[in-house]
All heavy atoms as atom14 arrays in JSON, in Angstrom:
{
  "sequence": "GSSRKEAVTALYDIRRAGISADIDYTGRSFKAQFKAAGSSGAVFA",
  "atom14_mask": [
    [1, 1, 1, 1, 0, 0, 0, 0, 0, 0, 0, 0, 0, 0],
    [1, 1, 1, 1, 1, 1, 0, 0, 0, 0, 0, 0, 0, 0],
    [1, 1, 1, 1, 1, 1, 0, 0, 0, 0, 0, 0, 0, 0],
    [1, 1, 1, 1, 1, 1, 1, 1, 1, 1, 1, 0, 0, 0],
    [1, 1, 1, 1, 1, 1, 1, 1, 1, 0, 0, 0, 0, 0],
    [1, 1, 1, 1, 1, 1, 1, 1, 1, 0, 0, 0, 0, 0],
    [1, 1, 1, 1, 1, 0, 0, 0, 0, 0, 0, 0, 0, 0],
    [1, 1, 1, 1, 1, 1, 1, 0, 0, 0, 0, 0, 0, 0],
    [1, 1, 1, 1, 1, 1, 1, 0, 0, 0, 0, 0, 0, 0],
    [1, 1, 1, 1, 1, 0, 0, 0, 0, 0, 0, 0, 0, 0],
    [1, 1, 1, 1, 1, 1, 1, 1, 0, 0, 0, 0, 0, 0],
    [1, 1, 1, 1, 1, 1, 1, 1, 1, 1, 1, 1, 0, 0],
    [1, 1, 1, 1, 1, 1, 1, 1, 0, 0, 0, 0, 0, 0],
    [1, 1, 1, 1, 1, 1, 1, 1, 0, 0, 0, 0, 0, 0],
    [1, 1, 1, 1, 1, 1, 1, 1, 1, 1, 1, 0, 0, 0],
    [1, 1, 1, 1, 1, 1, 1, 1, 1, 1, 1, 0, 0, 0],
    [1, 1, 1, 1, 1, 0, 0, 0, 0, 0, 0, 0, 0, 0],
    [1, 1, 1, 1, 0, 0, 0, 0, 0, 0, 0, 0, 0, 0],
    [1, 1, 1, 1, 1, 1, 1, 1, 0, 0, 0, 0, 0, 0],
    [1, 1, 1, 1, 1, 1, 0, 0, 0, 0, 0, 0, 0, 0],
    [1, 1, 1, 1, 1, 0, 0, 0, 0, 0, 0, 0, 0, 0],
    [1, 1, 1, 1, 1, 1, 1, 1, 0, 0, 0, 0, 0, 0],
    [1, 1, 1, 1, 1, 1, 1, 1, 0, 0, 0, 0, 0, 0],
    [1, 1, 1, 1, 1, 1, 1, 1, 0, 0, 0, 0, 0, 0],
    [1, 1, 1, 1, 1, 1, 1, 1, 1, 1, 1, 1, 0, 0],
    [1, 1, 1, 1, 1, 1, 1, 0, 0, 0, 0, 0, 0, 0],
    [1, 1, 1, 1, 0, 0, 0, 0, 0, 0, 0, 0, 0, 0],
    [1, 1, 1, 1, 1, 1, 1, 1, 1, 1, 1, 0, 0, 0],
    [1, 1, 1, 1, 1, 1, 0, 0, 0, 0, 0, 0, 0, 0],
    [1, 1, 1, 1, 1, 1, 1, 1, 1, 1, 1, 0, 0, 0],
    [1, 1, 1, 1, 1, 1, 1, 1, 1, 0, 0, 0, 0, 0],
    [1, 1, 1, 1, 1, 0, 0, 0, 0, 0, 0, 0, 0, 0],
    [1, 1, 1, 1, 1, 1, 1, 1, 1, 0, 0, 0, 0, 0],
    [1, 1, 1, 1, 1, 1, 1, 1, 1, 1, 1, 0, 0, 0],
    [1, 1, 1, 1, 1, 1, 1, 1, 1, 0, 0, 0, 0, 0],
    [1, 1, 1, 1, 1, 0, 0, 0, 0, 0, 0, 0, 0, 0],
    [1, 1, 1, 1, 1, 0, 0, 0, 0, 0, 0, 0, 0, 0],
    [1, 1, 1, 1, 0, 0, 0, 0, 0, 0, 0, 0, 0, 0],
    [1, 1, 1, 1, 1, 1, 0, 0, 0, 0, 0, 0, 0, 0],
    [1, 1, 1, 1, 1, 1, 0, 0, 0, 0, 0, 0, 0, 0],
    [1, 1, 1, 1, 0, 0, 0, 0, 0, 0, 0, 0, 0, 0],
    [1, 1, 1, 1, 1, 0, 0, 0, 0, 0, 0, 0, 0, 0],
    [1, 1, 1, 1, 1, 1, 1, 0, 0, 0, 0, 0, 0, 0],
    [1, 1, 1, 1, 1, 1, 1, 1, 1, 1, 1, 0, 0, 0],
    [1, 1, 1, 1, 1, 0, 0, 0, 0, 0, 0, 0, 0, 0]
  ],
  "atom14_positions": [
    [[187.68, -3.99, -143.44], [187.89, -2.55, -143.46], [186.99, -1.82, -144.42], [186.6, -0.66, -144.18], [0.0, 0.0, 0.0], [0.0, 0.0, 0.0], [0.0, 0.0, 0.0], [0.0, 0.0, 0.0], [0.0, 0.0, 0.0], [0.0, 0.0, 0.0], [0.0, 0.0, 0.0], [0.0, 0.0, 0.0], [0.0, 0.0, 0.0], [0.0, 0.0, 0.0]],
    [[186.59, -2.48, -145.54], [185.78, -1.8, -146.54], [184.36, -1.5, -146.05], [183.7, -0.6, -146.57], [185.71, -2.66, -147.82], [185.01, -3.87, -147.56], [0.0, 0.0, 0.0], [0.0, 0.0, 0.0], [0.0, 0.0, 0.0], [0.0, 0.0, 0.0], [0.0, 0.0, 0.0], [0.0, 0.0, 0.0], [0.0, 0.0, 0.0], [0.0, 0.0, 0.0]],
    [[183.9, -2.26, -145.06], [182.53, -2.06, -144.54], [182.52, -1.25, -143.24], [181.47, -1.06, -142.64], [181.85, -3.41, -144.32], [182.63, -4.23, -143.49], [0.0, 0.0, 0.0], [0.0, 0.0, 0.0], [0.0, 0.0, 0.0], [0.0, 0.0, 0.0], [0.0, 0.0, 0.0], [0.0, 0.0, 0.0], [0.0, 0.0, 0.0], [0.0, 0.0, 0.0]],
    [[183.69, -0.8, -142.83], [183.8, -0.08, -141.55], [182.96, 1.19, -141.53], [182.26, 1.48, -140.56], [185.27, 0.25, -141.28], [185.55, 1.09, -140.05], [185.32, 0.32, -138.78], [185.79, 1.07, -137.62], [185.61, 0.69, -136.37], [184.98, -0.45, -136.12], [186.08, 1.41, -135.37], [0.0, 0.0, 0.0], [0.0, 0.0, 0.0], [0.0, 0.0, 0.0]],
    [[183.02, 1.97, -142.59], [182.28, 3.23, -142.64], [180.79, 2.98, -142.52], [180.08, 3.69, -141.78], [182.6, 3.97, -143.94], [181.9, 5.32, -144.05], [182.31, 6.03, -145.35], [181.57, 7.35, -145.48], [181.92, 8.05, -146.75], [0.0, 0.0, 0.0], [0.0, 0.0, 0.0], [0.0, 0.0, 0.0], [0.0, 0.0, 0.0], [0.0, 0.0, 0.0]],
    [[180.26, 1.98, -143.23], [178.83, 1.67, -143.15], [178.46, 1.18, -141.75], [177.36, 1.46, -141.26], [178.47, 0.6, -144.18], [178.46, 1.11, -145.61], [177.39, 2.16, -145.84], [176.33, 2.08, -145.19], [177.63, 3.08, -146.63], [0.0, 0.0, 0.0], [0.0, 0.0, 0.0], [0.0, 0.0, 0.0], [0.0, 0.0, 0.0], [0.0, 0.0, 0.0]],
    [[179.38, 0.44, -141.12], [179.11, -0.05, -139.77], [178.98, 1.11, -138.78], [178.08, 1.12, -137.93], [180.21, -1.01, -139.34], [0.0, 0.0, 0.0], [0.0, 0.0, 0.0], [0.0, 0.0, 0.0], [0.0, 0.0, 0.0], [0.0, 0.0, 0.0], [0.0, 0.0, 0.0], [0.0, 0.0, 0.0], [0.0, 0.0, 0.0], [0.0, 0.0, 0.0]],
    [[179.88, 2.1, -138.91], [179.82, 3.25, -138.01], [178.55, 4.06, -138.26], [177.9, 4.53, -137.31], [181.07, 4.13, -138.19], [180.92, 5.44, -137.43], [182.31, 3.38, -137.73], [0.0, 0.0, 0.0], [0.0, 0.0, 0.0], [0.0, 0.0, 0.0], [0.0, 0.0, 0.0], [0.0, 0.0, 0.0], [0.0, 0.0, 0.0], [0.0, 0.0, 0.0]],
    [[178.15, 4.21, -139.53], [176.9, 4.93, -139.85], [175.71, 4.21, -139.24], [174.8, 4.84, -138.68], [176.73, 5.05, -141.37], [177.86, 5.72, -141.93], [175.47, 5.82, -141.71], [0.0, 0.0, 0.0], [0.0, 0.0, 0.0], [0.0, 0.0, 0.0], [0.0, 0.0, 0.0], [0.0, 0.0, 0.0], [0.0, 0.0, 0.0], [0.0, 0.0, 0.0]],
    [[175.69, 2.88, -139.34], [174.61, 2.11, -138.75], [174.58, 2.27, -137.23], [173.52, 2.39, -136.62], [174.76, 0.63, -139.12], [0.0, 0.0, 0.0], [0.0, 0.0, 0.0], [0.0, 0.0, 0.0], [0.0, 0.0, 0.0], [0.0, 0.0, 0.0], [0.0, 0.0, 0.0], [0.0, 0.0, 0.0], [0.0, 0.0, 0.0], [0.0, 0.0, 0.0]],
    [[175.77, 2.3, -136.62], [175.87, 2.5, -135.16], [175.19, 3.79, -134.74], [174.39, 3.82, -133.79], [177.35, 2.51, -134.76], [177.66, 2.9, -133.32], [177.25, 1.8, -132.37], [179.16, 3.22, -133.16], [0.0, 0.0, 0.0], [0.0, 0.0, 0.0], [0.0, 0.0, 0.0], [0.0, 0.0, 0.0], [0.0, 0.0, 0.0], [0.0, 0.0, 0.0]],
    [[175.5, 4.88, -135.46], [174.92, 6.17, -135.09], [173.41, 6.18, -135.31], [172.65, 6.76, -134.51], [175.59, 7.29, -135.89], [177.03, 7.54, -135.51], [177.91, 8.14, -136.38], [177.51, 7.16, -134.26], [179.25, 8.37, -136.04], [178.84, 7.37, -133.91], [179.7, 7.97, -134.79], [181.0, 8.19, -134.44], [0.0, 0.0, 0.0], [0.0, 0.0, 0.0]],
    [[172.94, 5.56, -136.38], [171.49, 5.5, -136.64], [170.77, 4.75, -135.52], [169.68, 5.14, -135.09], [171.23, 4.82, -137.98], [171.6, 5.7, -139.17], [171.78, 6.92, -138.97], [171.71, 5.16, -140.29], [0.0, 0.0, 0.0], [0.0, 0.0, 0.0], [0.0, 0.0, 0.0], [0.0, 0.0, 0.0], [0.0, 0.0, 0.0], [0.0, 0.0, 0.0]],
    [[171.37, 3.65, -135.09], [170.76, 2.86, -134.02], [170.68, 3.67, -132.73], [169.64, 3.7, -132.06], [171.57, 1.56, -133.8], [171.46, 0.65, -135.02], [171.08, 0.82, -132.55], [172.44, -0.51, -135.01], [0.0, 0.0, 0.0], [0.0, 0.0, 0.0], [0.0, 0.0, 0.0], [0.0, 0.0, 0.0], [0.0, 0.0, 0.0], [0.0, 0.0, 0.0]],
    [[171.76, 4.35, -132.4], [171.76, 5.16, -131.17], [170.76, 6.3, -131.25], [170.08, 6.61, -130.25], [173.16, 5.73, -130.94], [174.17, 4.69, -130.48], [175.56, 5.27, -130.46], [176.55, 4.37, -129.84], [177.85, 4.59, -129.87], [178.34, 5.66, -130.49], [178.69, 3.73, -129.3], [0.0, 0.0, 0.0], [0.0, 0.0, 0.0], [0.0, 0.0, 0.0]],
    [[170.66, 6.94, -132.41], [169.71, 8.06, -132.57], [168.27, 7.6, -132.46], [167.38, 8.41, -132.19], [169.95, 8.77, -133.9], [171.24, 9.58, -133.92], [171.6, 10.02, -135.32], [172.87, 10.73, -135.36], [173.67, 10.78, -136.41], [173.32, 10.15, -137.53], [174.82, 11.43, -136.35], [0.0, 0.0, 0.0], [0.0, 0.0, 0.0], [0.0, 0.0, 0.0]],
    [[168.04, 6.31, -132.66], [166.7, 5.76, -132.51], [166.39, 5.4, -131.06], [165.33, 4.85, -130.76], [166.54, 4.52, -133.4], [0.0, 0.0, 0.0], [0.0, 0.0, 0.0], [0.0, 0.0, 0.0], [0.0, 0.0, 0.0], [0.0, 0.0, 0.0], [0.0, 0.0, 0.0], [0.0, 0.0, 0.0], [0.0, 0.0, 0.0], [0.0, 0.0, 0.0]],
    [[167.33, 5.71, -130.16], [167.11, 5.44, -128.74], [167.44, 4.03, -128.32], [166.98, 3.56, -127.29], [0.0, 0.0, 0.0], [0.0, 0.0, 0.0], [0.0, 0.0, 0.0], [0.0, 0.0, 0.0], [0.0, 0.0, 0.0], [0.0, 0.0, 0.0], [0.0, 0.0, 0.0], [0.0, 0.0, 0.0], [0.0, 0.0, 0.0], [0.0, 0.0, 0.0]],
    [[168.24, 3.35, -129.13], [168.65, 1.97, -128.84], [170.14, 1.98, -128.49], [170.95, 2.57, -129.21], [168.4, 1.06, -130.06], [166.92, 1.09, -130.44], [168.86, -0.37, -129.78], [166.63, 0.45, -131.78], [0.0, 0.0, 0.0], [0.0, 0.0, 0.0], [0.0, 0.0, 0.0], [0.0, 0.0, 0.0], [0.0, 0.0, 0.0], [0.0, 0.0, 0.0]],
    [[170.49, 1.34, -127.39], [171.9, 1.35, -126.97], [172.72, 0.45, -127.89], [172.3, -0.66, -128.23], [172.03, 0.89, -125.52], [171.56, -0.43, -125.35], [0.0, 0.0, 0.0], [0.0, 0.0, 0.0], [0.0, 0.0, 0.0], [0.0, 0.0, 0.0], [0.0, 0.0, 0.0], [0.0, 0.0, 0.0], [0.0, 0.0, 0.0], [0.0, 0.0, 0.0]],
    [[173.89, 0.94, -128.28], [174.71, 0.19, -129.23], [176.17, 0.55, -129.04], [176.51, 1.64, -128.55], [174.28, 0.48, -130.66], [0.0, 0.0, 0.0], [0.0, 0.0, 0.0], [0.0, 0.0, 0.0], [0.0, 0.0, 0.0], [0.0, 0.0, 0.0], [0.0, 0.0, 0.0], [0.0, 0.0, 0.0], [0.0, 0.0, 0.0], [0.0, 0.0, 0.0]],
    [[177.04, -0.38, -129.45], [178.48, -0.13, -129.36], [179.16, -0.82, -130.54], [178.54, -1.57, -131.3], [179.03, -0.65, -128.04], [180.29, 0.09, -127.61], [180.82, 0.9, -128.4], [180.74, -0.14, -126.47], [0.0, 0.0, 0.0], [0.0, 0.0, 0.0], [0.0, 0.0, 0.0], [0.0, 0.0, 0.0], [0.0, 0.0, 0.0], [0.0, 0.0, 0.0]],
    [[180.46, -0.57, -130.67], [181.25, -1.1, -131.77], [182.68, -1.27, -131.3], [183.09, -0.67, -130.29], [181.17, -0.14, -132.99], [181.61, -0.84, -134.29], [182.02, 1.1, -132.74], [181.32, -0.01, -135.54], [0.0, 0.0, 0.0], [0.0, 0.0, 0.0], [0.0, 0.0, 0.0], [0.0, 0.0, 0.0], [0.0, 0.0, 0.0], [0.0, 0.0, 0.0]],
    [[183.45, -2.08, -131.97], [184.85, -2.28, -131.62], [185.69, -1.09, -132.11], [185.56, -0.66, -133.25], [185.38, -3.57, -132.25], [186.87, -3.72, -132.07], [187.3, -3.71, -130.9], [187.6, -3.79, -133.08], [0.0, 0.0, 0.0], [0.0, 0.0, 0.0], [0.0, 0.0, 0.0], [0.0, 0.0, 0.0], [0.0, 0.0, 0.0], [0.0, 0.0, 0.0]],
    [[186.55, -0.58, -131.24], [187.44, 0.51, -131.6], [188.91, 0.11, -131.49], [189.79, 0.97, -131.46], [187.19, 1.72, -130.69], [185.87, 2.42, -130.94], [184.84, 2.33, -130.02], [185.67, 3.19, -132.09], [183.62, 2.97, -130.23], [184.47, 3.84, -132.31], [183.44, 3.72, -131.38], [182.24, 4.36, -131.59], [0.0, 0.0, 0.0], [0.0, 0.0, 0.0]],
    [[189.19, -1.18, -131.41], [190.58, -1.62, -131.2], [191.13, -2.42, -132.36], [192.21, -2.99, -132.26], [190.69, -2.46, -129.92], [189.87, -3.63, -130.05], [190.25, -1.66, -128.7], [0.0, 0.0, 0.0], [0.0, 0.0, 0.0], [0.0, 0.0, 0.0], [0.0, 0.0, 0.0], [0.0, 0.0, 0.0], [0.0, 0.0, 0.0], [0.0, 0.0, 0.0]],
    [[190.4, -2.51, -133.47], [190.9, -3.22, -134.64], [190.87, -4.73, -134.51], [191.7, -5.43, -135.1], [0.0, 0.0, 0.0], [0.0, 0.0, 0.0], [0.0, 0.0, 0.0], [0.0, 0.0, 0.0], [0.0, 0.0, 0.0], [0.0, 0.0, 0.0], [0.0, 0.0, 0.0], [0.0, 0.0, 0.0], [0.0, 0.0, 0.0], [0.0, 0.0, 0.0]],
    [[189.91, -5.26, -133.76], [189.8, -6.7, -133.58], [189.44, -7.4, -134.89], [188.8, -6.81, -135.77], [188.74, -7.05, -132.53], [189.11, -6.72, -131.09], [188.01, -7.22, -130.16], [188.33, -7.02, -128.76], [187.93, -5.99, -128.03], [187.2, -5.03, -128.61], [188.25, -5.9, -126.76], [0.0, 0.0, 0.0], [0.0, 0.0, 0.0], [0.0, 0.0, 0.0]],
    [[189.78, -8.67, -134.97], [189.38, -9.49, -136.12], [187.88, -9.73, -136.08], [187.21, -9.47, -135.06], [190.11, -10.83, -136.09], [189.68, -11.6, -134.98], [0.0, 0.0, 0.0], [0.0, 0.0, 0.0], [0.0, 0.0, 0.0], [0.0, 0.0, 0.0], [0.0, 0.0, 0.0], [0.0, 0.0, 0.0], [0.0, 0.0, 0.0], [0.0, 0.0, 0.0]],
    [[187.35, -10.24, -137.18], [185.92, -10.54, -137.27], [185.5, -11.48, -136.14], [184.5, -11.25, -135.44], [185.62, -11.16, -138.63], [184.15, -11.4, -138.89], [183.25, -10.35, -138.93], [183.68, -12.7, -139.09], [181.9, -10.56, -139.19], [182.33, -12.93, -139.34], [181.45, -11.86, -139.39], [0.0, 0.0, 0.0], [0.0, 0.0, 0.0], [0.0, 0.0, 0.0]],
    [[186.27, -12.52, -135.91], [185.95, -13.5, -134.86], [186.05, -12.85, -133.48], [185.2, -13.09, -132.6], [186.91, -14.68, -134.96], [186.64, -15.78, -133.95], [187.61, -16.95, -134.14], [187.34, -18.04, -133.12], [188.3, -19.18, -133.3], [0.0, 0.0, 0.0], [0.0, 0.0, 0.0], [0.0, 0.0, 0.0], [0.0, 0.0, 0.0], [0.0, 0.0, 0.0]],
    [[187.05, -12.03, -133.28], [187.23, -11.38, -131.97], [186.13, -10.37, -131.7], [185.75, -10.14, -130.54], [188.6, -10.71, -131.91], [0.0, 0.0, 0.0], [0.0, 0.0, 0.0], [0.0, 0.0, 0.0], [0.0, 0.0, 0.0], [0.0, 0.0, 0.0], [0.0, 0.0, 0.0], [0.0, 0.0, 0.0], [0.0, 0.0, 0.0], [0.0, 0.0, 0.0]],
    [[185.58, -9.75, -132.75], [184.46, -8.83, -132.56], [183.23, -9.57, -132.04], [182.5, -9.06, -131.2], [184.13, -8.12, -133.87], [185.16, -7.08, -134.31], [184.76, -6.41, -135.61], [183.78, -5.67, -135.67], [185.52, -6.7, -136.67], [0.0, 0.0, 0.0], [0.0, 0.0, 0.0], [0.0, 0.0, 0.0], [0.0, 0.0, 0.0], [0.0, 0.0, 0.0]],
    [[183.01, -10.78, -132.53], [181.9, -11.58, -132.03], [182.09, -11.91, -130.55], [181.14, -11.88, -129.76], [181.77, -12.88, -132.84], [180.74, -12.79, -133.93], [181.13, -12.68, -135.25], [179.39, -12.79, -133.63], [180.18, -12.59, -136.26], [178.43, -12.7, -134.63], [178.83, -12.6, -135.96], [0.0, 0.0, 0.0], [0.0, 0.0, 0.0], [0.0, 0.0, 0.0]],
    [[183.33, -12.2, -130.18], [183.61, -12.5, -128.78], [183.36, -11.26, -127.92], [182.8, -11.35, -126.82], [185.06, -12.95, -128.64], [185.42, -13.45, -127.25], [186.84, -14.0, -127.21], [187.17, -14.52, -125.81], [188.55, -15.08, -125.74], [0.0, 0.0, 0.0], [0.0, 0.0, 0.0], [0.0, 0.0, 0.0], [0.0, 0.0, 0.0], [0.0, 0.0, 0.0]],
    [[183.75, -10.09, -128.43], [183.51, -8.84, -127.71], [182.02, -8.57, -127.59], [181.55, -8.07, -126.55], [184.21, -7.68, -128.42], [0.0, 0.0, 0.0], [0.0, 0.0, 0.0], [0.0, 0.0, 0.0], [0.0, 0.0, 0.0], [0.0, 0.0, 0.0], [0.0, 0.0, 0.0], [0.0, 0.0, 0.0], [0.0, 0.0, 0.0], [0.0, 0.0, 0.0]],
    [[181.26, -8.89, -128.64], [179.81, -8.7, -128.6], [179.19, -9.54, -127.49], [178.32, -9.08, -126.74], [179.21, -9.07, -129.95], [0.0, 0.0, 0.0], [0.0, 0.0, 0.0], [0.0, 0.0, 0.0], [0.0, 0.0, 0.0], [0.0, 0.0, 0.0], [0.0, 0.0, 0.0], [0.0, 0.0, 0.0], [0.0, 0.0, 0.0], [0.0, 0.0, 0.0]],
    [[179.65, -10.8, -127.38], [179.13, -11.65, -126.31], [179.49, -11.14, -124.94], [178.67, -11.14, -124.02], [0.0, 0.0, 0.0], [0.0, 0.0, 0.0], [0.0, 0.0, 0.0], [0.0, 0.0, 0.0], [0.0, 0.0, 0.0], [0.0, 0.0, 0.0], [0.0, 0.0, 0.0], [0.0, 0.0, 0.0], [0.0, 0.0, 0.0], [0.0, 0.0, 0.0]],
    [[180.73, -10.65, -124.78], [181.18, -10.13, -123.48], [180.44, -8.86, -123.08], [180.29, -8.56, -121.9], [182.69, -9.85, -123.52], [183.41, -11.02, -123.8], [0.0, 0.0, 0.0], [0.0, 0.0, 0.0], [0.0, 0.0, 0.0], [0.0, 0.0, 0.0], [0.0, 0.0, 0.0], [0.0, 0.0, 0.0], [0.0, 0.0, 0.0], [0.0, 0.0, 0.0]],
    [[179.99, -8.1, -124.07], [179.31, -6.83, -123.79], [177.92, -7.02, -123.23], [177.33, -6.07, -122.69], [179.23, -5.99, -125.07], [178.27, -6.54, -125.97], [0.0, 0.0, 0.0], [0.0, 0.0, 0.0], [0.0, 0.0, 0.0], [0.0, 0.0, 0.0], [0.0, 0.0, 0.0], [0.0, 0.0, 0.0], [0.0, 0.0, 0.0], [0.0, 0.0, 0.0]],
    [[177.37, -8.25, -123.37], [176.0, -8.48, -122.94], [174.96, -8.06, -123.94], [173.78, -8.01, -123.63], [0.0, 0.0, 0.0], [0.0, 0.0, 0.0], [0.0, 0.0, 0.0], [0.0, 0.0, 0.0], [0.0, 0.0, 0.0], [0.0, 0.0, 0.0], [0.0, 0.0, 0.0], [0.0, 0.0, 0.0], [0.0, 0.0, 0.0], [0.0, 0.0, 0.0]],
    [[175.39, -7.74, -125.15], [174.46, -7.29, -126.19], [173.45, -8.39, -126.53], [173.75, -9.58, -126.47], [175.22, -6.87, -127.44], [0.0, 0.0, 0.0], [0.0, 0.0, 0.0], [0.0, 0.0, 0.0], [0.0, 0.0, 0.0], [0.0, 0.0, 0.0], [0.0, 0.0, 0.0], [0.0, 0.0, 0.0], [0.0, 0.0, 0.0], [0.0, 0.0, 0.0]],
    [[172.26, -7.95, -126.93], [171.22, -8.89, -127.35], [171.45, -9.31, -128.8], [171.31, -10.49, -129.15], [169.83, -8.24, -127.2], [168.73, -9.21, -127.67], [169.59, -7.82, -125.76], [0.0, 0.0, 0.0], [0.0, 0.0, 0.0], [0.0, 0.0, 0.0], [0.0, 0.0, 0.0], [0.0, 0.0, 0.0], [0.0, 0.0, 0.0], [0.0, 0.0, 0.0]],
    [[171.84, -8.34, -129.65], [172.01, -8.61, -131.07], [173.39, -8.19, -131.55], [173.97, -7.21, -131.06], [170.98, -7.83, -131.91], [169.56, -8.23, -131.65], [168.7, -7.37, -130.99], [169.07, -9.46, -132.08], [167.4, -7.73, -130.74], [167.76, -9.82, -131.83], [166.92, -8.96, -131.17], [0.0, 0.0, 0.0], [0.0, 0.0, 0.0], [0.0, 0.0, 0.0]],
    [[173.89, -8.94, -132.5], [175.04, -8.51, -133.28], [174.52, -8.04, -134.63], [173.74, -8.73, -135.28], [176.03, -9.66, -133.46], [0.0, 0.0, 0.0], [0.0, 0.0, 0.0], [0.0, 0.0, 0.0], [0.0, 0.0, 0.0], [0.0, 0.0, 0.0], [0.0, 0.0, 0.0], [0.0, 0.0, 0.0], [0.0, 0.0, 0.0], [0.0, 0.0, 0.0]]
  ]
}
């Protein structure tokens, strides 16, 4: 939770650079976020 604000700021910076990006909005655990990243088809976490 302490790094959530920085993660959201990074998300917006990435999108503003013209790179598609997403983030978890359901309160998943760290491990579950990685699983969601894989399911999303993302290239990078």
